Amino acid sequence: MAVGYLESLQLGFKKYRVFSGRSIRAEYWWWALFGLLGDVVLSVFDMLIGTYNWQNHNGLLSGLFGFGILIPSLAVGTRRLHDIGKSGWWQLMWLGVFLVIPAIVLIVWNIRQGDDGSNRYGPDPRKFIDGVSAPI
């Protein structure tokens, strides 16, 4: 099942605290694009209104936005890792962003297609939406 941009955002906010189950690649990458675009747009706005801190390279509005989407982002990331049969705790590798290898590993994992059929984290999200069979 293909998930579009708006549908991905709806799923991200609807399941903002759901750390169980699985998410397809499109849901994860559309959410990541939302986070990136929101940060860029709000950082520019912060610069225009004078709430951007040049020493720390962050702004008030972009910082609040990042804080606001932190939990939903972790939830989407956890469900995405569940889709390939990995624990959501692997996201902690993002804390080592100064290390290139963990970032590459997480990007590769998030690019991978999810497991076919059910795995220990739930049914295949490409075939089931809210427990109802969906066309592939």
N, C-alpha and C. Protein backbone atom coordinates (compact mmCIF):
# COMPACT_ATOMS: atom_id res chain seq x y z
N MET A 1 0.84 -1.18 0.00
CA MET A 1 0.00 0.00 0.00
C MET A 1 0.88 1.23 0.00
N ALA A 2 0.62 2.15 -0.86
CA ALA A 2 1.38 3.39 -0.93
C ALA A 2 0.78 4.41 0.03
N VAL A 3 1.64 5.10 0.73
CA VAL A 3 1.21 6.13 1.66
C VAL A 3 1.74 7.46 1.13
N GLY A 4 0.83 8.42 0.95
CA GLY A 4 1.22 9.73 0.47
C GLY A 4 1.67 10.63 1.60
N TYR A 5 2.07 11.84 1.23
CA TYR A 5 2.60 12.80 2.20
C TYR A 5 1.60 13.13 3.30
N LEU A 6 0.41 13.56 2.92
CA LEU A 6 -0.59 13.95 3.92
C LEU A 6 -1.04 12.76 4.76
N GLU A 7 -1.20 11.62 4.13
CA GLU A 7 -1.60 10.42 4.86
C GLU A 7 -0.51 10.01 5.86
N SER A 8 0.73 10.18 5.47
CA SER A 8 1.84 9.88 6.38
C SER A 8 1.82 10.80 7.59
N LEU A 9 1.57 12.08 7.36
CA LEU A 9 1.49 13.03 8.48
C LEU A 9 0.32 12.69 9.40
N GLN A 10 -0.80 12.33 8.82
CA GLN A 10 -1.95 11.94 9.63
C GLN A 10 -1.63 10.72 10.48
N LEU A 11 -0.98 9.72 9.88
CA LEU A 11 -0.60 8.53 10.63
C LEU A 11 0.39 8.87 11.73
N GLY A 12 1.34 9.75 11.41
CA GLY A 12 2.35 10.13 12.40
C GLY A 12 1.73 10.80 13.61
N PHE A 13 0.77 11.68 13.39
CA PHE A 13 0.13 12.36 14.52
C PHE A 13 -0.92 11.49 15.19
N LYS A 14 -1.60 10.66 14.40
CA LYS A 14 -2.62 9.77 14.97
C LYS A 14 -1.96 8.72 15.88
N LYS A 15 -0.81 8.23 15.46
CA LYS A 15 -0.10 7.20 16.23
C LYS A 15 1.12 7.80 16.94
N TYR A 16 0.99 9.04 17.43
CA TYR A 16 2.14 9.76 17.96
C TYR A 16 2.78 9.09 19.17
N ARG A 17 2.08 8.22 19.85
CA ARG A 17 2.68 7.56 21.01
C ARG A 17 2.59 6.04 20.90
N VAL A 18 2.41 5.54 19.69
CA VAL A 18 2.34 4.10 19.46
C VAL A 18 3.72 3.60 19.04
N PHE A 19 4.35 2.87 19.95
CA PHE A 19 5.68 2.35 19.69
C PHE A 19 5.64 0.86 19.34
N SER A 20 4.46 0.33 19.11
CA SER A 20 4.33 -1.06 18.71
C SER A 20 3.80 -1.10 17.28
N GLY A 21 3.94 -2.22 16.65
CA GLY A 21 3.48 -2.36 15.27
C GLY A 21 4.56 -1.99 14.28
N ARG A 22 4.15 -1.80 13.05
CA ARG A 22 5.09 -1.58 11.96
C ARG A 22 4.66 -0.41 11.08
N SER A 23 5.64 0.24 10.44
CA SER A 23 5.38 1.32 9.49
C SER A 23 6.17 1.05 8.21
N ILE A 24 5.55 1.35 7.09
CA ILE A 24 6.24 1.14 5.81
C ILE A 24 7.24 2.27 5.55
N ARG A 25 8.10 2.04 4.57
CA ARG A 25 9.13 3.03 4.23
C ARG A 25 8.56 4.39 3.92
N ALA A 26 7.50 4.43 3.11
CA ALA A 26 6.93 5.71 2.69
C ALA A 26 6.48 6.53 3.89
N GLU A 27 5.86 5.89 4.86
CA GLU A 27 5.40 6.62 6.04
C GLU A 27 6.59 7.24 6.77
N TYR A 28 7.66 6.46 6.92
CA TYR A 28 8.85 6.97 7.61
C TYR A 28 9.48 8.11 6.83
N TRP A 29 9.72 7.97 5.54
CA TRP A 29 10.45 8.98 4.78
C TRP A 29 9.63 10.24 4.56
N TRP A 30 8.30 10.12 4.40
CA TRP A 30 7.47 11.32 4.32
C TRP A 30 7.51 12.08 5.64
N TRP A 31 7.51 11.34 6.75
CA TRP A 31 7.59 12.00 8.06
C TRP A 31 8.95 12.70 8.20
N ALA A 32 10.01 12.04 7.76
CA ALA A 32 11.34 12.65 7.83
C ALA A 32 11.39 13.93 6.99
N LEU A 33 10.78 13.91 5.81
CA LEU A 33 10.73 15.11 4.96
C LEU A 33 9.95 16.22 5.66
N PHE A 34 8.84 15.88 6.30
CA PHE A 34 8.06 16.86 7.06
C PHE A 34 8.93 17.51 8.13
N GLY A 35 9.68 16.70 8.87
CA GLY A 35 10.54 17.24 9.92
C GLY A 35 11.62 18.15 9.36
N LEU A 36 12.24 17.75 8.25
CA LEU A 36 13.29 18.56 7.63
C LEU A 36 12.73 19.88 7.10
N LEU A 37 11.63 19.80 6.35
CA LEU A 37 11.04 21.02 5.78
C LEU A 37 10.54 21.96 6.88
N GLY A 38 9.92 21.39 7.90
CA GLY A 38 9.46 22.22 9.00
C GLY A 38 10.61 22.93 9.69
N ASP A 39 11.70 22.23 9.89
CA ASP A 39 12.87 22.84 10.53
C ASP A 39 13.47 23.94 9.67
N VAL A 40 13.60 23.69 8.38
CA VAL A 40 14.19 24.70 7.48
C VAL A 40 13.31 25.94 7.41
N VAL A 41 12.02 25.75 7.19
CA VAL A 41 11.10 26.89 7.06
C VAL A 41 11.07 27.69 8.36
N LEU A 42 10.97 27.01 9.49
CA LEU A 42 10.90 27.73 10.76
C LEU A 42 12.24 28.36 11.14
N SER A 43 13.35 27.75 10.72
CA SER A 43 14.66 28.38 10.96
C SER A 43 14.78 29.68 10.18
N VAL A 44 14.33 29.68 8.93
CA VAL A 44 14.35 30.91 8.13
C VAL A 44 13.45 31.95 8.78
N PHE A 45 12.27 31.54 9.22
CA PHE A 45 11.37 32.47 9.89
C PHE A 45 12.00 33.01 11.18
N ASP A 46 12.67 32.13 11.93
CA ASP A 46 13.39 32.57 13.13
C ASP A 46 14.43 33.64 12.79
N MET A 47 15.13 33.44 11.68
CA MET A 47 16.14 34.42 11.27
C MET A 47 15.49 35.76 10.92
N LEU A 48 14.34 35.69 10.29
CA LEU A 48 13.65 36.92 9.89
C LEU A 48 13.11 37.71 11.08
N ILE A 49 12.65 37.03 12.09
CA ILE A 49 12.05 37.74 13.23
C ILE A 49 13.04 37.92 14.38
N GLY A 50 14.27 37.43 14.21
CA GLY A 50 15.31 37.67 15.21
C GLY A 50 15.35 36.71 16.37
N THR A 51 14.73 35.54 16.23
CA THR A 51 14.77 34.56 17.32
C THR A 51 15.73 33.41 17.02
N TYR A 52 16.63 33.62 16.07
CA TYR A 52 17.61 32.58 15.71
C TYR A 52 18.91 32.87 16.46
N ASN A 53 19.48 31.86 17.09
CA ASN A 53 20.73 31.98 17.82
C ASN A 53 21.86 31.48 16.92
N TRP A 54 22.67 32.39 16.43
CA TRP A 54 23.73 32.04 15.48
C TRP A 54 24.84 31.22 16.12
N GLN A 55 25.09 31.37 17.41
CA GLN A 55 26.13 30.57 18.07
C GLN A 55 25.72 29.10 18.19
N ASN A 56 24.45 28.87 18.50
CA ASN A 56 23.96 27.50 18.68
C ASN A 56 23.33 26.92 17.41
N HIS A 57 23.15 27.75 16.42
CA HIS A 57 22.52 27.34 15.15
C HIS A 57 21.14 26.73 15.35
N ASN A 58 20.33 27.39 16.19
CA ASN A 58 18.94 26.98 16.34
C ASN A 58 18.09 28.19 16.66
N GLY A 59 16.81 28.04 16.41
CA GLY A 59 15.88 29.14 16.64
C GLY A 59 14.79 28.74 17.61
N LEU A 60 14.08 29.71 18.09
CA LEU A 60 13.00 29.45 19.04
C LEU A 60 11.90 28.61 18.42
N LEU A 61 11.37 29.05 17.28
CA LEU A 61 10.25 28.34 16.65
C LEU A 61 10.68 26.97 16.12
N SER A 62 11.85 26.91 15.47
CA SER A 62 12.31 25.61 14.95
C SER A 62 12.63 24.66 16.10
N GLY A 63 13.12 25.20 17.21
CA GLY A 63 13.38 24.35 18.38
C GLY A 63 12.10 23.80 18.99
N LEU A 64 11.07 24.66 19.09
CA LEU A 64 9.78 24.20 19.60
C LEU A 64 9.16 23.16 18.67
N PHE A 65 9.32 23.38 17.35
CA PHE A 65 8.82 22.42 16.38
C PHE A 65 9.52 21.07 16.56
N GLY A 66 10.85 21.10 16.66
CA GLY A 66 11.61 19.87 16.85
C GLY A 66 11.22 19.14 18.13
N PHE A 67 11.01 19.90 19.18
CA PHE A 67 10.58 19.31 20.45
C PHE A 67 9.18 18.72 20.30
N GLY A 68 8.32 19.40 19.56
CA GLY A 68 6.94 18.94 19.36
C GLY A 68 6.82 17.66 18.57
N ILE A 69 7.74 17.45 17.64
CA ILE A 69 7.65 16.23 16.83
C ILE A 69 8.63 15.15 17.30
N LEU A 70 9.30 15.36 18.41
CA LEU A 70 10.27 14.38 18.90
C LEU A 70 9.63 13.03 19.18
N ILE A 71 8.58 12.99 19.99
CA ILE A 71 7.94 11.72 20.35
C ILE A 71 7.32 11.05 19.13
N PRO A 72 6.55 11.78 18.28
CA PRO A 72 6.03 11.12 17.08
C PRO A 72 7.15 10.60 16.16
N SER A 73 8.26 11.32 16.08
CA SER A 73 9.38 10.87 15.24
C SER A 73 9.99 9.59 15.79
N LEU A 74 10.16 9.53 17.10
CA LEU A 74 10.68 8.31 17.71
C LEU A 74 9.72 7.14 17.50
N ALA A 75 8.42 7.42 17.58
CA ALA A 75 7.42 6.37 17.38
C ALA A 75 7.45 5.86 15.94
N VAL A 76 7.49 6.77 14.97
CA VAL A 76 7.55 6.35 13.55
C VAL A 76 8.84 5.59 13.29
N GLY A 77 9.95 6.06 13.84
CA GLY A 77 11.23 5.38 13.67
C GLY A 77 11.23 3.99 14.28
N THR A 78 10.62 3.86 15.44
CA THR A 78 10.53 2.54 16.08
C THR A 78 9.70 1.59 15.23
N ARG A 79 8.54 2.06 14.78
CA ARG A 79 7.69 1.20 13.94
C ARG A 79 8.39 0.84 12.63
N ARG A 80 9.18 1.76 12.09
CA ARG A 80 9.91 1.47 10.85
C ARG A 80 10.95 0.37 11.08
N LEU A 81 11.68 0.46 12.20
CA LEU A 81 12.65 -0.59 12.51
C LEU A 81 11.94 -1.92 12.78
N HIS A 82 10.78 -1.87 13.40
CA HIS A 82 10.00 -3.10 13.61
C HIS A 82 9.64 -3.75 12.27
N ASP A 83 9.42 -2.93 11.25
CA ASP A 83 9.03 -3.46 9.94
C ASP A 83 10.13 -4.33 9.33
N ILE A 84 11.37 -4.08 9.69
CA ILE A 84 12.47 -4.92 9.17
C ILE A 84 12.95 -5.91 10.21
N GLY A 85 12.17 -6.07 11.30
CA GLY A 85 12.50 -7.08 12.30
C GLY A 85 13.52 -6.63 13.33
N LYS A 86 13.77 -5.34 13.44
CA LYS A 86 14.76 -4.81 14.41
C LYS A 86 14.04 -4.14 15.57
N SER A 87 14.69 -4.11 16.69
CA SER A 87 14.16 -3.41 17.86
C SER A 87 14.24 -1.91 17.65
N GLY A 88 13.28 -1.19 18.20
CA GLY A 88 13.28 0.26 18.12
C GLY A 88 14.44 0.89 18.87
N TRP A 89 15.03 0.15 19.80
CA TRP A 89 16.15 0.67 20.57
C TRP A 89 17.37 0.96 19.70
N TRP A 90 17.41 0.40 18.49
CA TRP A 90 18.52 0.69 17.58
C TRP A 90 18.57 2.17 17.20
N GLN A 91 17.48 2.89 17.40
CA GLN A 91 17.48 4.33 17.11
C GLN A 91 18.49 5.09 17.96
N LEU A 92 18.86 4.52 19.08
CA LEU A 92 19.85 5.18 19.92
C LEU A 92 21.17 5.41 19.20
N MET A 93 21.37 4.71 18.09
CA MET A 93 22.59 4.94 17.30
C MET A 93 22.63 6.36 16.76
N TRP A 94 21.46 7.04 16.62
CA TRP A 94 21.45 8.42 16.16
C TRP A 94 22.19 9.31 17.13
N LEU A 95 22.30 8.90 18.39
CA LEU A 95 23.02 9.71 19.36
C LEU A 95 24.51 9.79 19.02
N GLY A 96 24.98 8.84 18.25
CA GLY A 96 26.37 8.86 17.81
C GLY A 96 26.50 9.49 16.44
N VAL A 97 25.83 10.61 16.22
CA VAL A 97 25.83 11.23 14.89
C VAL A 97 27.22 11.64 14.44
N PHE A 98 28.11 11.87 15.39
CA PHE A 98 29.48 12.20 14.99
C PHE A 98 30.19 10.98 14.44
N LEU A 99 29.60 9.82 14.64
CA LEU A 99 30.14 8.59 14.06
C LEU A 99 29.38 8.30 12.77
N VAL A 100 30.10 8.15 11.70
CA VAL A 100 29.48 7.98 10.39
C VAL A 100 28.83 6.61 10.24
N ILE A 101 29.46 5.59 10.75
CA ILE A 101 28.98 4.22 10.55
C ILE A 101 27.57 4.01 11.12
N PRO A 102 27.28 4.42 12.38
CA PRO A 102 25.91 4.22 12.87
C PRO A 102 24.86 4.95 12.03
N ALA A 103 25.16 6.12 11.56
CA ALA A 103 24.21 6.86 10.72
C ALA A 103 23.97 6.13 9.42
N ILE A 104 25.02 5.61 8.81
CA ILE A 104 24.88 4.87 7.55
C ILE A 104 24.05 3.62 7.78
N VAL A 105 24.31 2.90 8.87
CA VAL A 105 23.56 1.67 9.17
C VAL A 105 22.08 1.98 9.31
N LEU A 106 21.73 3.03 10.05
CA LEU A 106 20.32 3.37 10.23
C LEU A 106 19.67 3.81 8.92
N ILE A 107 20.38 4.55 8.11
CA ILE A 107 19.82 4.97 6.81
C ILE A 107 19.57 3.75 5.93
N VAL A 108 20.54 2.84 5.88
CA VAL A 108 20.37 1.62 5.07
C VAL A 108 19.19 0.81 5.58
N TRP A 109 19.08 0.64 6.88
CA TRP A 109 17.95 -0.10 7.45
C TRP A 109 16.63 0.56 7.11
N ASN A 110 16.57 1.88 7.16
CA ASN A 110 15.32 2.58 6.86
C ASN A 110 14.98 2.57 5.38
N ILE A 111 15.94 2.31 4.53
CA ILE A 111 15.70 2.19 3.10
C ILE A 111 15.18 0.81 2.73
N ARG A 112 15.58 -0.19 3.52
CA ARG A 112 15.20 -1.58 3.22
C ARG A 112 13.69 -1.77 3.22
N GLN A 113 13.24 -2.66 2.34
CA GLN A 113 11.83 -3.03 2.35
C GLN A 113 11.57 -3.86 3.59
N GLY A 114 10.40 -3.72 4.15
CA GLY A 114 10.03 -4.46 5.34
C GLY A 114 9.89 -5.94 5.08
N ASP A 115 9.85 -6.71 6.16
CA ASP A 115 9.68 -8.15 6.06
C ASP A 115 8.34 -8.48 5.40
N ASP A 116 8.35 -9.48 4.53
CA ASP A 116 7.11 -9.94 3.92
C ASP A 116 6.33 -10.73 4.96
N GLY A 117 5.05 -10.49 5.01
CA GLY A 117 4.20 -11.18 5.97
C GLY A 117 4.43 -10.68 7.38
N SER A 118 3.86 -11.37 8.31
CA SER A 118 3.97 -10.99 9.71
C SER A 118 5.36 -11.27 10.25
N ASN A 119 5.77 -10.47 11.22
CA ASN A 119 6.97 -10.77 11.98
C ASN A 119 6.60 -10.62 13.45
N ARG A 120 7.57 -10.68 14.34
CA ARG A 120 7.25 -10.67 15.77
C ARG A 120 6.66 -9.33 16.23
N TYR A 121 6.70 -8.30 15.38
CA TYR A 121 6.17 -6.99 15.75
C TYR A 121 4.77 -6.73 15.19
N GLY A 122 4.25 -7.65 14.39
CA GLY A 122 2.89 -7.48 13.90
C GLY A 122 2.74 -7.87 12.44
N PRO A 123 1.52 -7.67 11.91
CA PRO A 123 1.26 -8.02 10.51
C PRO A 123 1.95 -7.05 9.56
N ASP A 124 2.08 -7.48 8.33
CA ASP A 124 2.69 -6.68 7.28
C ASP A 124 1.83 -5.44 7.03
N PRO A 125 2.36 -4.22 7.28
CA PRO A 125 1.53 -3.01 7.09
C PRO A 125 1.19 -2.73 5.64
N ARG A 126 1.90 -3.38 4.72
CA ARG A 126 1.57 -3.18 3.31
C ARG A 126 0.32 -3.96 2.94
N LYS A 127 -0.07 -4.92 3.78
CA LYS A 127 -1.23 -5.74 3.48
C LYS A 127 -2.40 -5.48 4.43
N PHE A 128 -2.12 -4.89 5.58
CA PHE A 128 -3.16 -4.66 6.57
C PHE A 128 -3.11 -3.22 7.08
N ILE A 129 -4.25 -2.58 7.07
CA ILE A 129 -4.38 -1.25 7.65
C ILE A 129 -5.50 -1.35 8.69
N ASP A 130 -5.14 -1.09 9.96
CA ASP A 130 -6.09 -1.18 11.08
C ASP A 130 -6.83 -2.50 11.11
N GLY A 131 -6.11 -3.58 10.81
CA GLY A 131 -6.69 -4.91 10.89
C GLY A 131 -7.53 -5.28 9.69
N VAL A 132 -7.67 -4.42 8.70
CA VAL A 132 -8.49 -4.69 7.53
C VAL A 132 -7.55 -4.95 6.36
N SER A 133 -7.83 -6.01 5.63
CA SER A 133 -7.00 -6.35 4.48
C SER A 133 -7.04 -5.23 3.46
N ALA A 134 -5.86 -4.85 2.96
CA ALA A 134 -5.76 -3.76 1.99
C ALA A 134 -5.06 -4.27 0.73
N PRO A 135 -5.39 -3.71 -0.42
CA PRO A 135 -4.71 -4.13 -1.64
C PRO A 135 -3.25 -3.68 -1.63
N ILE A 136 -2.41 -4.45 -2.27
CA ILE A 136 -0.97 -4.12 -2.34
C ILE A 136 -0.71 -3.27 -3.54
